[in-house]
């Protein structure tokens, strides 16, 4: 199977492939492939970290947990963005809140084992602040996608004035 760039996809929906061995790759397809990779890598790093360590030149490292956390947070952000495309800031805040929660938990677990290591305390506090900020922000803005849709529709359904005419009331449009 040969993957090719198809500039026509930017102008119209994809048609049936003209060659039997060609697949047009869209950004959505690429993100899906990355998501599969994030899920696979995260699963390996969580479920079989020792096996992964044996099979790489890097060996065992606590950074593997941090990488798995990034994979999980990225998957949450992708899922939330796809679920609520009209409110990308909320979707990202949800994904980043998951990241902060998991990073804080990771550093808290390490603090239990090594309470004198200042770096883990600093990272725990920074992630706790990030999680608190995300929680407050998400509570302050309704999660209703219909609310986001209503804001979008108010912006998008206004009729454009016809050429040569002024907007209602005899005033020029702002």
Protein backbone atom coordinates (compact mmCIF):
# COMPACT_ATOMS: atom_id res chain seq x y z
CA UNK A 1 0.00 0.00 0.00
CA UNK A 2 1.42 3.39 -1.00
CA UNK A 3 0.51 6.53 0.96
CA UNK A 4 0.44 9.67 -1.11
CA UNK A 5 -0.26 13.38 -0.64
CA UNK A 6 -3.45 14.41 -2.35
CA UNK A 7 -3.88 18.21 -2.64
CA UNK A 8 -7.42 17.71 -3.93
CA UNK A 9 -8.51 16.65 -0.42
CA UNK A 10 -8.19 20.26 0.66
CA UNK A 11 -10.81 21.30 -1.91
CA UNK A 12 -13.38 18.49 -1.84
CA UNK A 13 -14.19 15.28 -0.02
CA UNK A 14 -12.08 12.27 -1.04
CA UNK A 15 -13.36 10.25 -3.97
CA UNK A 16 -12.82 6.56 -4.51
CA UNK A 17 -9.14 5.76 -5.02
CA UNK A 18 -8.16 5.78 -8.66
CA UNK A 19 -5.33 3.31 -8.13
CA UNK A 20 -5.96 0.08 -6.32
CA UNK A 21 -2.79 0.44 -4.22
CA UNK A 22 -3.15 4.13 -3.22
CA UNK A 23 -4.74 5.50 -0.05
CA UNK A 24 -5.25 9.24 0.48
CA UNK A 25 -4.19 10.13 4.00
CA UNK A 26 -6.12 12.98 5.67
CA UNK A 27 -5.08 14.83 8.84
CA UNK A 28 -7.84 12.96 10.71
CA UNK A 29 -6.36 9.63 9.53
CA UNK A 30 -2.88 10.76 10.63
CA UNK A 31 -4.15 11.77 14.09
CA UNK A 32 -5.89 8.38 14.37
CA UNK A 33 -2.60 6.64 13.53
CA UNK A 34 -0.78 8.72 16.16
CA UNK A 35 -3.51 7.91 18.70
CA UNK A 36 -3.04 4.20 18.01
CA UNK A 37 0.70 4.66 18.52
CA UNK A 38 0.18 6.61 21.77
CA UNK A 39 -2.20 3.92 23.06
CA UNK A 40 0.20 1.12 22.13
CA UNK A 41 3.26 2.81 23.59
CA UNK A 42 1.41 3.82 26.75
CA UNK A 43 0.10 0.29 27.20
CA UNK A 44 3.56 -1.23 26.83
CA UNK A 45 5.10 1.30 29.23
CA UNK A 46 2.41 0.69 31.86
CA UNK A 47 1.84 -3.07 31.45
CA UNK A 48 5.36 -4.28 30.61
CA UNK A 49 7.97 -1.69 31.61
CA UNK A 50 10.62 -4.30 32.44
CA UNK A 51 10.19 -6.06 29.11
CA UNK A 52 10.47 -2.71 27.33
CA UNK A 53 13.58 -1.88 29.38
CA UNK A 54 15.19 -5.22 28.42
CA UNK A 55 14.45 -4.63 24.74
CA UNK A 56 15.92 -1.12 24.53
CA UNK A 57 19.34 0.42 24.97
CA UNK A 58 17.85 2.86 27.51
CA UNK A 59 17.08 0.22 30.13
CA UNK A 60 14.70 0.79 33.03
CA UNK A 61 13.89 4.40 33.78
CA UNK A 62 11.27 6.24 35.81
CA UNK A 63 10.87 8.45 32.75
CA UNK A 64 8.92 5.60 31.20
CA UNK A 65 6.01 6.45 33.52
CA UNK A 66 6.21 10.10 32.50
CA UNK A 67 6.08 9.12 28.83
CA UNK A 68 3.10 6.83 29.47
CA UNK A 69 1.36 9.72 31.23
CA UNK A 70 1.94 11.98 28.22
CA UNK A 71 0.48 9.28 25.98
CA UNK A 72 -2.65 9.01 28.14
CA UNK A 73 -3.10 12.79 28.38
CA UNK A 74 -2.64 13.17 24.64
CA UNK A 75 -5.26 10.48 24.00
CA UNK A 76 -7.71 12.27 26.31
CA UNK A 77 -7.11 15.58 24.50
CA UNK A 78 -7.63 13.95 21.09
CA UNK A 79 -10.83 12.23 22.24
CA UNK A 80 -12.22 15.41 23.80
CA UNK A 81 -11.34 17.53 20.76
CA UNK A 82 -13.09 15.07 18.48
CA UNK A 83 -16.11 14.96 20.76
CA UNK A 84 -16.46 18.74 21.10
CA UNK A 85 -14.75 20.45 18.17
CA UNK A 86 -16.69 23.67 18.77
CA UNK A 87 -14.89 24.23 22.08
CA UNK A 88 -11.23 23.25 21.63
CA UNK A 89 -10.04 25.23 24.67
CA UNK A 90 -12.29 23.16 26.96
CA UNK A 91 -11.16 19.93 25.32
CA UNK A 92 -7.52 20.87 25.82
CA UNK A 93 -8.19 21.93 29.44
CA UNK A 94 -9.71 18.49 30.07
CA UNK A 95 -6.71 16.71 28.54
CA UNK A 96 -4.19 18.89 30.38
CA UNK A 97 -6.07 18.37 33.66
CA UNK A 98 -5.66 14.62 33.20
CA UNK A 99 -1.96 15.16 32.55
CA UNK A 100 -1.56 17.29 35.68
CA UNK A 101 -3.45 14.75 37.82
CA UNK A 102 -1.33 11.84 36.58
CA UNK A 103 1.95 13.75 36.86
CA UNK A 104 1.03 14.87 40.40
CA UNK A 105 0.21 11.27 41.35
CA UNK A 106 3.49 10.04 39.86
CA UNK A 107 5.51 12.59 41.85
CA UNK A 108 3.49 11.93 45.02
CA UNK A 109 4.31 8.23 44.77
CA UNK A 110 7.98 9.09 44.42
CA UNK A 111 7.83 11.52 47.36
CA UNK A 112 6.66 8.63 49.55
CA UNK A 113 9.82 6.71 48.61
CA UNK A 114 12.21 9.70 48.57
CA UNK A 115 10.77 12.55 50.64
CA UNK A 116 13.97 14.61 50.63
CA UNK A 117 14.12 15.05 46.84
CA UNK A 118 13.07 18.66 46.20
CA UNK A 119 12.50 18.16 42.46
CA UNK A 120 9.57 15.83 43.10
CA UNK A 121 8.00 18.23 45.59
CA UNK A 122 8.33 21.09 43.08
CA UNK A 123 6.81 19.03 40.27
CA UNK A 124 4.02 17.75 42.54
CA UNK A 125 3.09 21.30 43.60
CA UNK A 126 3.27 22.63 40.03
CA UNK A 127 0.99 19.87 38.78
CA UNK A 128 -1.40 20.28 41.71
CA UNK A 129 -1.67 23.99 40.83
CA UNK A 130 -2.27 23.06 37.17
CA UNK A 131 -4.95 20.57 38.17
CA UNK A 132 -6.64 23.12 40.45
CA UNK A 133 -6.59 25.75 37.68
CA UNK A 134 -8.07 23.27 35.22
CA UNK A 135 -10.76 22.18 37.69
CA UNK A 136 -11.79 25.78 38.40
CA UNK A 137 -11.76 26.73 34.72
CA UNK A 138 -13.82 23.69 33.71
CA UNK A 139 -16.35 24.37 36.48
CA UNK A 140 -16.65 28.04 35.45
CA UNK A 141 -17.49 27.23 31.84
CA UNK A 142 -20.49 25.01 31.12
CA UNK A 143 -19.63 21.77 29.37
CA UNK A 144 -22.73 21.84 27.19
CA UNK A 145 -21.75 21.49 23.57
CA UNK A 146 -25.13 23.04 22.76
CA UNK A 147 -23.96 26.22 24.49
CA UNK A 148 -20.85 26.25 22.29
CA UNK A 149 -23.06 25.47 19.31
CA UNK A 150 -25.38 28.35 20.16
CA UNK A 151 -22.44 30.75 20.34
CA UNK A 152 -21.19 29.44 17.01
CA UNK A 153 -24.58 29.70 15.33
CA UNK A 154 -25.08 33.29 16.53
CA UNK A 155 -21.85 34.13 14.79
CA UNK A 156 -22.47 32.19 11.62
CA UNK A 157 -26.12 32.70 10.66
CA UNK A 158 -26.22 36.47 10.24
CA UNK A 159 -27.14 37.26 6.66
CA UNK A 160 -24.59 39.24 4.74
CA UNK A 161 -25.81 42.58 3.36
CA UNK A 162 -26.36 42.46 -0.37
CA UNK A 163 -23.90 44.36 -2.50
CA UNK A 164 -24.85 48.02 -2.85
CA UNK A 165 -27.30 47.99 0.09
CA UNK A 166 -26.83 49.21 3.63
CA UNK A 167 -27.66 47.12 6.66
CA UNK A 168 -31.05 47.66 8.30
CA UNK A 169 -31.62 51.05 9.91
CA UNK A 170 -29.73 52.93 7.21
CA UNK A 171 -26.44 52.53 9.07
CA UNK A 172 -23.31 51.10 7.57
CA UNK A 173 -22.45 47.64 8.85
CA UNK A 174 -19.82 47.63 11.60
